[in-house]
C-alpha atoms as a PDB file:
ATOM      1  CA  MET A   1      24.045  34.380  14.593  1.00  0.00           C
ATOM      2  CA  SER A   2      23.383  30.586  15.378  1.00  0.00           C
ATOM      3  CA  VAL A   3      20.608  29.559  18.010  1.00  0.00           C
ATOM      4  CA  ASN A   4      20.750  26.485  19.694  1.00  0.00           C
ATOM      5  CA  ARG A   5      17.851  24.206  19.345  1.00  0.00           C
ATOM      6  CA  GLN A   6      18.875  21.354  21.592  1.00  0.00           C
ATOM      7  CA  GLN A   7      16.860  22.684  24.250  1.00  0.00           C
ATOM      8  CA  ASP A   8      13.446  22.181  22.058  1.00  0.00           C
ATOM      9  CA  LEU A   9      14.345  18.413  21.477  1.00  0.00           C
ATOM     10  CA  PRO A  10      12.294  15.537  23.352  1.00  0.00           C
ATOM     11  CA  ALA A  11      14.027  13.629  25.537  1.00  0.00           C
ATOM     12  CA  CYS A  12      15.320  10.416  25.327  1.00  0.00           C
ATOM     13  CA  VAL A  13      12.833   8.124  27.170  1.00  0.00           C
ATOM     14  CA  ARG A  14      15.296   5.907  28.970  1.00  0.00           C
ATOM     15  CA  HIS A  15      17.974   9.034  29.099  1.00  0.00           C
ATOM     16  CA  PRO A  16      15.964  12.014  30.122  1.00  0.00           C
ATOM     17  CA  ASP A  17      18.968  14.056  30.255  1.00  0.00           C
ATOM     18  CA  ARG A  18      19.731  13.346  26.547  1.00  0.00           C
ATOM     19  CA  PRO A  19      17.770  15.623  24.214  1.00  0.00           C
ATOM     20  CA  THR A  20      17.412  13.395  20.675  1.00  0.00           C
ATOM     21  CA  GLY A  21      15.612  14.220  17.243  1.00  0.00           C
ATOM     22  CA  LEU A  22      15.616  10.139  16.570  1.00  0.00           C
ATOM     23  CA  ARG A  23      12.643   8.248  16.925  1.00  0.00           C
ATOM     24  CA  CYS A  24      11.645   4.269  17.401  1.00  0.00           C
ATOM     25  CA  VAL A  25       9.958   3.771  13.802  1.00  0.00           C
ATOM     26  CA  ARG A  26       7.848   1.293  15.659  1.00  0.00           C
ATOM     27  CA  CYS A  27       6.713   3.261  18.718  1.00  0.00           C
ATOM     28  CA  ASP A  28       7.970   6.501  17.685  1.00  0.00           C
ATOM     29  CA  ARG A  29       9.269   7.537  20.726  1.00  0.00           C
ATOM     30  CA  PRO A  30      12.116   9.665  21.402  1.00  0.00           C
ATOM     31  CA  ALA A  31      15.464   7.407  21.338  1.00  0.00           C
ATOM     32  CA  CYS A  32      19.123   8.472  21.881  1.00  0.00           C
ATOM     33  CA  PRO A  33      22.077   6.483  19.365  1.00  0.00           C
ATOM     34  CA  ASP A  34      22.876   4.516  22.305  1.00  0.00           C
ATOM     35  CA  CYS A  35      18.941   3.309  22.500  1.00  0.00           C
ATOM     36  CA  LEU A  36      18.588   2.375  18.680  1.00  0.00           C
ATOM     37  CA  ARG A  37      19.113  -0.612  17.389  1.00  0.00           C
ATOM     38  CA  GLU A  38      19.133  -1.372  13.469  1.00  0.00           C
ATOM     39  CA  ALA A  39      15.766  -3.021  11.687  1.00  0.00           C
ATOM     40  CA  SER A  40      15.030  -4.240   8.442  1.00  0.00           C
ATOM     41  CA  VAL A  41      13.161  -0.611   8.250  1.00  0.00           C
ATOM     42  CA  GLY A  42      14.879   2.072  10.208  1.00  0.00           C
ATOM     43  CA  TYR A  43      16.139   1.809  13.347  1.00  0.00           C
ATOM     44  CA  GLN A  44      14.027   0.427  16.828  1.00  0.00           C
ATOM     45  CA  CYS A  45      14.589   1.140  20.299  1.00  0.00           C
ATOM     46  CA  VAL A  46      16.080  -1.450  22.497  1.00  0.00           C
ATOM     47  CA  ASP A  47      12.517  -2.041  24.144  1.00  0.00           C
ATOM     48  CA  CYS A  48      11.006  -2.467  20.910  1.00  0.00           C
ATOM     49  CA  VAL A  49      13.824  -4.857  19.691  1.00  0.00           C
ATOM     50  CA  ALA A  50      13.348  -6.822  23.260  1.00  0.00           C
ATOM     51  CA  ASP A  51       9.844  -6.889  22.601  1.00  0.00           C
ATOM     52  CA  GLY A  52      10.645  -8.944  19.473  1.00  0.00           C
ATOM     53  CA  ASN A  53      13.471 -10.865  20.500  1.00  0.00           C
ATOM     54  CA  LYS A  54      10.313 -12.853  22.802  1.00  0.00           C
ATOM     55  CA  SER A  55       9.467 -14.931  19.640  1.00  0.00           C
ATOM     56  CA  VAL A  56      12.759 -16.174  19.277  1.00  0.00           C
ATOM     57  CA  ARG A  57      12.601 -19.974  19.382  1.00  0.00           C
ATOM     58  CA  PRO A  58      15.591 -22.420  18.976  1.00  0.00           C
ATOM     59  CA  ALA A  59      15.798 -23.891  15.529  1.00  0.00           C
ATOM     60  CA  ARG A  60      15.228 -27.814  15.612  1.00  0.00           C
ATOM     61  CA  ASN A  61      18.458 -29.308  15.481  1.00  0.00           C
ATOM     62  CA  THR A  62      20.921 -26.619  15.662  1.00  0.00           C
ATOM     63  CA  GLY A  63      20.748 -25.539  18.699  1.00  0.00           C
ATOM     64  CA  GLY A  64      20.744 -22.359  17.550  1.00  0.00           C
ATOM     65  CA  ALA A  65      17.834 -19.083  17.467  1.00  0.00           C
ATOM     66  CA  ARG A  66      15.804 -18.307  14.884  1.00  0.00           C
ATOM     67  CA  THR A  67      14.782 -14.332  15.307  1.00  0.00           C
ATOM     68  CA  ARG A  68      11.547 -13.358  13.734  1.00  0.00           C
ATOM     69  CA  SER A  69      11.693  -9.678  14.530  1.00  0.00           C
ATOM     70  CA  GLY A  70       8.236  -9.094  14.635  1.00  0.00           C
ATOM     71  CA  ALA A  71       6.957 -11.045  12.020  1.00  0.00           C
ATOM     72  CA  ARG A  72       4.654 -13.271  14.467  1.00  0.00           C
ATOM     73  CA  SER A  73       2.493  -9.835  14.666  1.00  0.00           C
ATOM     74  CA  LEU A  74       1.731  -9.535  11.024  1.00  0.00           C
ATOM     75  CA  VAL A  75      -1.922  -9.938  10.460  1.00  0.00           C
ATOM     76  CA  VAL A  76      -2.860  -7.659   7.642  1.00  0.00           C
ATOM     77  CA  VAL A  77      -0.608  -8.827   4.917  1.00  0.00           C
ATOM     78  CA  PRO A  78      -1.388 -11.994   5.413  1.00  0.00           C
ATOM     79  CA  ALA A  79      -5.229 -11.464   5.586  1.00  0.00           C
ATOM     80  CA  LEU A  80      -4.623  -8.883   2.176  1.00  0.00           C
ATOM     81  CA  ILE A  81      -2.802 -12.282   0.646  1.00  0.00           C
ATOM     82  CA  GLY A  82      -5.416 -14.666   1.436  1.00  0.00           C
ATOM     83  CA  ILE A  83      -8.328 -12.282   0.210  1.00  0.00           C
ATOM     84  CA  ASN A  84      -6.714 -11.719  -3.022  1.00  0.00           C
ATOM     85  CA  VAL A  85      -6.107 -15.144  -3.290  1.00  0.00           C
ATOM     86  CA  LEU A  86      -9.582 -16.262  -2.419  1.00  0.00           C
ATOM     87  CA  VAL A  87     -11.093 -13.999  -4.868  1.00  0.00           C
ATOM     88  CA  PHE A  88      -8.872 -15.123  -7.652  1.00  0.00           C
ATOM     89  CA  VAL A  89      -9.936 -19.091  -7.076  1.00  0.00           C
ATOM     90  CA  LEU A  90     -13.599 -18.024  -6.993  1.00  0.00           C
ATOM     91  CA  THR A  91     -13.295 -16.162 -10.162  1.00  0.00           C
ATOM     92  CA  ALA A  92     -11.537 -18.920 -11.667  1.00  0.00           C
ATOM     93  CA  PHE A  93     -14.459 -21.415 -10.268  1.00  0.00           C
ATOM     94  CA  GLN A  94     -17.286 -19.458 -11.898  1.00  0.00           C
ATOM     95  CA  ALA A  95     -15.534 -19.186 -15.035  1.00  0.00           C
ATOM     96  CA  GLY A  96     -14.627 -22.687 -15.112  1.00  0.00           C
ATOM     97  CA  SER A  97     -10.854 -21.678 -15.978  1.00  0.00           C
ATOM     98  CA  ILE A  98      -7.713 -20.421 -14.449  1.00  0.00           C
ATOM     99  CA  THR A  99      -6.587 -18.444 -17.347  1.00  0.00           C
ATOM    100  CA  ASP A 100      -9.970 -16.970 -18.538  1.00  0.00           C
ATOM    101  CA  ASN A 101     -10.787 -16.107 -14.893  1.00  0.00           C
ATOM    102  CA  GLN A 102     -12.067 -12.328 -16.114  1.00  0.00           C
ATOM    103  CA  ARG A 103     -15.318 -14.063 -17.917  1.00  0.00           C
ATOM    104  CA  SER A 104     -16.734 -14.469 -14.640  1.00  0.00           C
ATOM    105  CA  ASP A 105     -19.536 -12.587 -12.905  1.00  0.00           C
ATOM    106  CA  LEU A 106     -17.676 -11.808  -9.849  1.00  0.00           C
ATOM    107  CA  PHE A 107     -14.898 -10.117 -12.259  1.00  0.00           C
ATOM    108  CA  VAL A 108     -17.498  -8.637 -14.906  1.00  0.00           C
ATOM    109  CA  GLN A 109     -19.195  -6.831 -11.776  1.00  0.00           C
ATOM    110  CA  GLY A 110     -16.025  -5.858  -9.893  1.00  0.00           C
ATOM    111  CA  THR A 111     -13.083  -4.564 -12.459  1.00  0.00           C
ATOM    112  CA  LEU A 112     -13.323  -1.039 -12.612  1.00  0.00           C
ATOM    113  CA  ILE A 113     -14.299   0.402 -15.889  1.00  0.00           C
ATOM    114  CA  PRO A 114     -14.679   4.554 -15.273  1.00  0.00           C
ATOM    115  CA  GLY A 115     -17.700   4.894 -17.382  1.00  0.00           C
ATOM    116  CA  THR A 116     -19.842   2.241 -15.233  1.00  0.00           C
ATOM    117  CA  VAL A 117     -18.412   3.988 -11.859  1.00  0.00           C
ATOM    118  CA  ALA A 118     -19.558   7.241 -13.680  1.00  0.00           C
ATOM    119  CA  ALA A 119     -23.011   5.676 -13.911  1.00  0.00           C
ATOM    120  CA  GLY A 120     -23.455   4.842 -10.172  1.00  0.00           C
ATOM    121  CA  GLU A 121     -21.168   1.622  -9.550  1.00  0.00           C
ATOM    122  CA  PHE A 122     -18.807   3.365  -7.230  1.00  0.00           C
ATOM    123  CA  TRP A 123     -18.119  -0.408  -5.612  1.00  0.00           C
ATOM    124  CA  ARG A 124     -15.720  -1.025  -8.637  1.00  0.00           C
ATOM    125  CA  LEU A 125     -13.041   1.709  -7.075  1.00  0.00           C
ATOM    126  CA  LEU A 126     -12.349  -0.626  -4.382  1.00  0.00           C
ATOM    127  CA  THR A 127     -13.267  -4.202  -5.580  1.00  0.00           C
ATOM    128  CA  SER A 128     -11.193  -4.065  -8.827  1.00  0.00           C
ATOM    129  CA  GLY A 129      -8.341  -3.916  -6.264  1.00  0.00           C
ATOM    130  CA  PHE A 130      -8.774  -7.215  -5.418  1.00  0.00           C
ATOM    131  CA  LEU A 131      -9.498  -8.893  -8.930  1.00  0.00           C
ATOM    132  CA  HIS A 132      -6.478 -10.143 -11.085  1.00  0.00           C
ATOM    133  CA  PHE A 133      -6.152 -11.308 -14.592  1.00  0.00           C
ATOM    134  CA  GLY A 134      -5.795 -15.227 -14.866  1.00  0.00           C
ATOM    135  CA  ASN A 135      -3.738 -14.688 -17.787  1.00  0.00           C
ATOM    136  CA  TYR A 136      -1.852 -11.758 -17.944  1.00  0.00           C
ATOM    137  CA  GLY A 137       0.398 -11.157 -20.874  1.00  0.00           C
ATOM    138  CA  GLY A 138       0.159 -15.058 -21.831  1.00  0.00           C
ATOM    139  CA  TYR A 139       2.099 -16.511 -19.208  1.00  0.00           C
ATOM    140  CA  GLY A 140      -1.231 -17.621 -16.784  1.00  0.00           C
ATOM    141  CA  PRO A 141      -1.827 -16.167 -13.553  1.00  0.00           C
ATOM    142  CA  VAL A 142       1.468 -13.979 -12.827  1.00  0.00           C
ATOM    143  CA  HIS A 143      -0.560 -11.524 -12.340  1.00  0.00           C
ATOM    144  CA  LEU A 144      -1.715 -12.687  -9.151  1.00  0.00           C
ATOM    145  CA  VAL A 145       1.641 -14.160  -8.282  1.00  0.00           C
ATOM    146  CA  PHE A 146       3.950 -10.678  -8.718  1.00  0.00           C
ATOM    147  CA  ASN A 147       1.525  -9.113  -6.845  1.00  0.00           C
ATOM    148  CA  MET A 148       1.174 -11.293  -3.665  1.00  0.00           C
ATOM    149  CA  PHE A 149       4.956 -11.485  -3.850  1.00  0.00           C
ATOM    150  CA  ALA A 150       5.619  -7.446  -3.384  1.00  0.00           C
ATOM    151  CA  LEU A 151       2.951  -7.496  -1.219  1.00  0.00           C
ATOM    152  CA  TRP A 152       4.611  -9.878   1.505  1.00  0.00           C
ATOM    153  CA  VAL A 153       8.047  -8.398   0.668  1.00  0.00           C
ATOM    154  CA  ILE A 154       7.269  -5.018   1.125  1.00  0.00           C
ATOM    155  CA  GLY A 155       3.910  -5.364   3.341  1.00  0.00           C
ATOM    156  CA  ARG A 156       5.601  -7.480   6.324  1.00  0.00           C
ATOM    157  CA  ASP A 157       8.115  -4.349   6.668  1.00  0.00           C
ATOM    158  CA  LEU A 158       5.745  -1.593   6.566  1.00  0.00           C
ATOM    159  CA  GLU A 159       3.425  -3.172   8.694  1.00  0.00           C
ATOM    160  CA  VAL A 160       5.909  -3.744  11.637  1.00  0.00           C
ATOM    161  CA  ALA A 161       7.115   0.216  11.096  1.00  0.00           C
ATOM    162  CA  LEU A 162       3.408   1.555  11.063  1.00  0.00           C
ATOM    163  CA  GLY A 163       1.391  -0.805  12.935  1.00  0.00           C
ATOM    164  CA  ARG A 164      -1.688  -2.835  12.066  1.00  0.00           C
ATOM    165  CA  ALA A 165      -4.284  -0.054  11.454  1.00  0.00           C
ATOM    166  CA  ARG A 166      -2.227   2.832  10.249  1.00  0.00           C
ATOM    167  CA  PHE A 167      -1.061   0.386   7.832  1.00  0.00           C
ATOM    168  CA  LEU A 168      -4.481  -0.910   6.771  1.00  0.00           C
ATOM    169  CA  VAL A 169      -5.249   3.011   5.984  1.00  0.00           C
ATOM    170  CA  VAL A 170      -2.153   3.191   3.897  1.00  0.00           C
ATOM    171  CA  TYR A 171      -3.203   0.051   1.768  1.00  0.00           C
ATOM    172  CA  LEU A 172      -6.826   1.208   1.302  1.00  0.00           C
ATOM    173  CA  LEU A 173      -5.645   5.207   0.231  1.00  0.00           C
ATOM    174  CA  ALA A 174      -3.014   4.017  -2.070  1.00  0.00           C
ATOM    175  CA  LEU A 175      -5.914   1.760  -3.525  1.00  0.00           C
ATOM    176  CA  LEU A 176      -8.496   4.191  -3.764  1.00  0.00           C
ATOM    177  CA  GLY A 177      -5.834   6.530  -5.264  1.00  0.00           C
ATOM    178  CA  GLY A 178      -4.629   4.263  -7.521  1.00  0.00           C
ATOM    179  CA  SER A 179      -8.651   4.299  -9.187  1.00  0.00           C
ATOM    180  CA  THR A 180      -8.589   7.459  -8.858  1.00  0.00           C
ATOM    181  CA  ALA A 181      -6.348   8.354 -11.228  1.00  0.00           C
ATOM    182  CA  VAL A 182      -8.178   5.703 -13.694  1.00  0.00           C
ATOM    183  CA  MET A 183     -10.972   8.099 -13.351  1.00  0.00           C
ATOM    184  CA  LEU A 184      -9.659  11.051 -14.355  1.00  0.00           C
ATOM    185  CA  PHE A 185      -7.072  10.326 -16.985  1.00  0.00           C
ATOM    186  CA  GLY A 186      -7.995   6.702 -18.356  1.00  0.00           C
ATOM    187  CA  ASP A 187     -10.244   5.506 -20.790  1.00  0.00           C
ATOM    188  CA  PRO A 188     -13.783   5.576 -19.827  1.00  0.00           C
ATOM    189  CA  MET A 189     -14.249   2.111 -21.740  1.00  0.00           C
ATOM    190  CA  GLY A 190     -10.894   0.345 -20.315  1.00  0.00           C
ATOM    191  CA  SER A 191     -10.982  -2.470 -17.788  1.00  0.00           C
ATOM    192  CA  VAL A 192      -8.647  -1.892 -14.713  1.00  0.00           C
ATOM    193  CA  ALA A 193      -7.925  -4.524 -12.199  1.00  0.00           C
ATOM    194  CA  GLY A 194      -5.268  -5.765  -9.990  1.00  0.00           C
ATOM    195  CA  ALA A 195      -3.699  -4.749  -6.466  1.00  0.00           C
ATOM    196  CA  SER A 196      -0.468  -3.066  -8.005  1.00  0.00           C
ATOM    197  CA  GLY A 197      -1.886   0.440  -7.150  1.00  0.00           C
ATOM    198  CA  ALA A 198      -2.061  -0.270  -3.330  1.00  0.00           C
ATOM    199  CA  ILE A 199       1.520  -2.085  -4.054  1.00  0.00           C
ATOM    200  CA  TYR A 200       2.982   1.086  -5.674  1.00  0.00           C
ATOM    201  CA  GLY A 201       1.136   2.909  -2.445  1.00  0.00           C
ATOM    202  CA  LEU A 202       3.469   0.846  -0.199  1.00  0.00           C
ATOM    203  CA  PHE A 203       6.551   1.321  -2.607  1.00  0.00           C
ATOM    204  CA  GLY A 204       6.250   5.177  -1.254  1.00  0.00           C
ATOM    205  CA  GLY A 205       5.516   4.164   2.095  1.00  0.00           C
ATOM    206  CA  ILE A 206       8.749   2.359   2.212  1.00  0.00           C
ATOM    207  CA  ALA A 207      10.464   5.456   0.621  1.00  0.00           C
ATOM    208  CA  VAL A 208       9.127   8.011   2.915  1.00  0.00           C
ATOM    209  CA  VAL A 209       9.812   5.319   6.097  1.00  0.00           C
ATOM    210  CA  VAL A 210      13.619   5.421   4.685  1.00  0.00           C
ATOM    211  CA  PHE A 211      13.469   9.084   4.715  1.00  0.00           C
ATOM    212  CA  ARG A 212      12.343   9.863   7.861  1.00  0.00           C
ATOM    213  CA  ALA A 213      14.702   6.973   9.466  1.00  0.00           C
ATOM    214  CA  LYS A 214      17.498   8.998   7.938  1.00  0.00           C
ATOM    215  CA  LEU A 215      18.716   5.374   6.149  1.00  0.00           C
ATOM    216  CA  ASN A 216      20.170   5.311   2.667  1.00  0.00           C
ATOM    217  CA  PRO A 217      17.373   5.650   0.295  1.00  0.00           C
ATOM    218  CA  ALA A 218      19.351   4.449  -2.758  1.00  0.00           C
ATOM    219  CA  PRO A 219      18.424   0.889  -2.496  1.00  0.00           C
ATOM    220  CA  VAL A 220      14.687   1.632  -2.466  1.00  0.00           C
ATOM    221  CA  LEU A 221      14.321   4.500  -4.930  1.00  0.00           C
ATOM    222  CA  THR A 222      16.521   2.031  -7.260  1.00  0.00           C
ATOM    223  CA  LEU A 223      14.148  -0.571  -6.917  1.00  0.00           C
ATOM    224  CA  LEU A 224      10.953   1.780  -7.001  1.00  0.00           C
ATOM    225  CA  GLY A 225      12.593   2.919 -10.700  1.00  0.00           C
ATOM    226  CA  ILE A 226      13.100  -0.195 -12.028  1.00  0.00           C
ATOM    227  CA  ASN A 227       9.315  -0.828 -11.153  1.00  0.00           C
ATOM    228  CA  ILE A 228       8.252   2.578 -12.761  1.00  0.00           C
ATOM    229  CA  PHE A 229      10.405   1.824 -15.686  1.00  0.00           C
ATOM    230  CA  LEU A 230       8.961  -1.698 -15.879  1.00  0.00           C
ATOM    231  CA  SER A 231       5.339  -0.275 -15.866  1.00  0.00           C
ATOM    232  CA  ILE A 232       6.010   2.328 -18.818  1.00  0.00           C
ATOM    233  CA  ALA A 233       7.839  -0.071 -21.045  1.00  0.00           C
ATOM    234  CA  LEU A 234       5.597  -3.669 -20.397  1.00  0.00           C
ATOM    235  CA  PRO A 235       2.262  -3.407 -22.417  1.00  0.00           C
ATOM    236  CA  GLY A 236      -1.314  -4.154 -20.670  1.00  0.00           C
ATOM    237  CA  ILE A 237      -0.079  -1.997 -17.470  1.00  0.00           C
ATOM    238  CA  SER A 238      -1.767   0.596 -15.994  1.00  0.00           C
ATOM    239  CA  LEU A 239       0.802   3.372 -15.333  1.00  0.00           C
ATOM    240  CA  LEU A 240      -1.831   5.946 -13.981  1.00  0.00           C
ATOM    241  CA  GLY A 241      -3.136   3.241 -11.446  1.00  0.00           C
ATOM    242  CA  HIS A 242       0.852   2.735 -10.296  1.00  0.00           C
ATOM    243  CA  LEU A 243       1.451   6.693  -9.841  1.00  0.00           C
ATOM    244  CA  GLY A 244      -1.801   7.274  -8.266  1.00  0.00           C
ATOM    245  CA  GLY A 245      -1.355   4.689  -5.611  1.00  0.00           C
ATOM    246  CA  LEU A 246       2.309   5.758  -5.323  1.00  0.00           C
ATOM    247  CA  VAL A 247       1.377   9.410  -4.359  1.00  0.00           C
ATOM    248  CA  ILE A 248      -1.370   8.676  -2.273  1.00  0.00           C
ATOM    249  CA  GLY A 249       0.518   6.148  -0.408  1.00  0.00           C
ATOM    250  CA  ALA A 250       3.489   8.414   0.454  1.00  0.00           C
ATOM    251  CA  LEU A 251       1.075  11.457   1.246  1.00  0.00           C
ATOM    252  CA  ALA A 252      -0.486   8.819   3.475  1.00  0.00           C
ATOM    253  CA  THR A 253       2.620   7.693   5.342  1.00  0.00           C
ATOM    254  CA  ALA A 254       4.207  10.893   5.742  1.00  0.00           C
ATOM    255  CA  ALA A 255       1.160  12.182   7.355  1.00  0.00           C
ATOM    256  CA  LEU A 256       1.800   9.309   9.793  1.00  0.00           C
ATOM    257  CA  VAL A 257       5.935   9.391  10.315  1.00  0.00           C
ATOM    258  CA  TYR A 258       5.997  12.855  10.376  1.00  0.00           C
ATOM    259  CA  ALA A 259       3.087  13.787  12.637  1.00  0.00           C
ATOM    260  CA  PRO A 260       4.096  15.562  15.579  1.00  0.00           C
ATOM    261  CA  ARG A 261       4.347  14.028  19.138  1.00  0.00           C
ATOM    262  CA  GLN A 262       1.486  16.409  20.613  1.00  0.00           C
ATOM    263  CA  GLN A 263      -1.781  15.094  19.644  1.00  0.00           C
ATOM    264  CA  LEU A 264      -0.268  12.671  17.506  1.00  0.00           C
ATOM    265  CA  VAL A 265      -3.091  10.482  17.112  1.00  0.00           C
ATOM    266  CA  ARG A 266      -5.898  13.298  16.087  1.00  0.00           C
ATOM    267  CA  PHE A 267      -3.105  14.772  13.719  1.00  0.00           C
ATOM    268  CA  GLN A 268      -2.734  11.153  11.827  1.00  0.00           C
ATOM    269  CA  THR A 269      -6.399  11.003  12.131  1.00  0.00           C
ATOM    270  CA  ILE A 270      -7.371  14.479  10.398  1.00  0.00           C
ATOM    271  CA  ALA A 271      -4.679  14.053   7.914  1.00  0.00           C
ATOM    272  CA  CYS A 272      -5.673  10.827   6.609  1.00  0.00           C
ATOM    273  CA  ALA A 273      -9.082  12.021   6.513  1.00  0.00           C
ATOM    274  CA  ALA A 274      -8.594  14.642   4.886  1.00  0.00           C
ATOM    275  CA  ILE A 275      -6.582  12.782   1.700  1.00  0.00           C
ATOM    276  CA  ALA A 276      -9.817  10.391   1.652  1.00  0.00           C
ATOM    277  CA  VAL A 277     -12.025  13.335   0.984  1.00  0.00           C
ATOM    278  CA  LEU A 278     -10.059  14.687  -1.278  1.00  0.00           C
ATOM    279  CA  LEU A 279      -9.863  11.724  -3.387  1.00  0.00           C
ATOM    280  CA  VAL A 280     -13.867  11.504  -3.238  1.00  0.00           C
ATOM    281  CA  ALA A 281     -13.778  14.973  -4.397  1.00  0.00           C
ATOM    282  CA  LEU A 282     -11.801  14.253  -7.585  1.00  0.00           C
ATOM    283  CA  LEU A 283     -13.748  11.128  -7.850  1.00  0.00           C
ATOM    284  CA  VAL A 284     -17.323  13.000  -7.565  1.00  0.00           C
ATOM    285  CA  THR A 285     -15.834  15.654 -10.337  1.00  0.00           C
ATOM    286  CA  SER A 286     -14.738  13.288 -12.593  1.00  0.00           C
ATOM    287  CA  ALA A 287     -17.904  11.093 -12.359  1.00  0.00           C
ATOM    288  CA  ALA A 288     -19.859  14.339 -12.973  1.00  0.00           C
ATOM    289  CA  THR A 289     -18.215  15.639 -16.267  1.00  0.00           C
ATOM    290  CA  MET A 290     -17.339  12.030 -17.829  1.00  0.00           C
ATOM    291  CA  GLY A 291     -21.417  11.686 -18.385  1.00  0.00           C
ATOM    292  CA  ILE A 292     -21.315   8.116 -19.942  1.00  0.00           C
ATOM    293  CA  HIS A 293     -23.045   4.983 -19.418  1.00  0.00           C
ATOM    294  CA  CYS A 294     -21.677   1.648 -20.055  1.00  0.00           C
ATOM    295  CA  GLU A 295     -23.450  -1.893 -19.920  1.00  0.00           C
ATOM    296  CA  ILE A 296     -21.564  -4.754 -19.852  1.00  0.00           C
ATOM    297  CA  THR A 297     -22.142  -7.959 -21.500  1.00  0.00           C
ATOM    298  CA  SER A 298     -20.767 -11.481 -20.189  1.00  0.00           C
ATOM    299  CA  THR A 299     -18.321 -11.903 -23.046  1.00  0.00           C
ATOM    300  CA  GLU A 300     -16.401  -8.221 -21.671  1.00  0.00           C
ATOM    301  CA  LEU A 301     -17.775  -6.204 -24.731  1.00  0.00           C
ATOM    302  CA  TYR A 302     -18.468  -2.809 -23.311  1.00  0.00           C
ATOM    303  CA  SER A 303     -20.592  -0.709 -25.130  1.00  0.00           C
ATOM    304  CA  CYS A 304     -20.641   3.074 -23.910  1.00  0.00           C
ATOM    305  CA  TYR A 305     -22.911   5.907 -25.041  1.00  0.00           C
ATOM    306  CA  GLU A 306     -22.740   9.410 -24.393  1.00  0.00           C
ATOM    307  CA  VAL A 307     -26.048  10.288 -21.914  1.00  0.00           C
END
């Protein structure tokens, strides 16, 4: 026996007589297919498209128009890129070298070393996500360049799709997720730094948004697969940080885009808070069972010993 569930679907905001299971990825309002337009990530309703077109300006010397589709509203992604670049400049200035910036006091005190976190230096869980090695793989500051390029390419679409505050929540939870994975399974004496964990969280977030919008996931999954392969194949990359960020970023984004329309904000807040509490619980458990204190010298020699 089949049951008609169409009556349980919400109505399109512009056509109340049309039940629909589709939503705008920008405002999350129900919209029928006639009221949706394809965007860079998913589909947006005609109202959000019209709002984005307010930023259209005539192209100089061409007589045409240039659509920026919400790019003018980007705030978090440029801010994160600016912070990462600024921190890199500060570490290079302190070390007196772009390629040996890991010798700076700021880098030494901020990089993620599980043993020191277990000893109480919990700030490293977040500060490590804004530090980048200046001579990664012998090719200069490509660590920073690659991460910031990925943050711009992926983050600008996800910030528009989720909104500024929600995007920042996903980014920070993914960063903490990558650090948690390193704490649970990484080398207590290892030094880990970089924004890759948070960026992999954005990869997971984009994949969730694509599935939610019922788009073809093949391009996103292919890109994600290539990056995971590189994480395994290339030396000196924290696969744990990448996978931890990926999983938490996907979970946090799913909590946002699959939240029920009724009590939307409340559900999203509780779900993201629950993820944060879970990560904190795992970190506290890891720190308690590790039982290691580490001393760091200015020459990056890490000496660890059992309590």
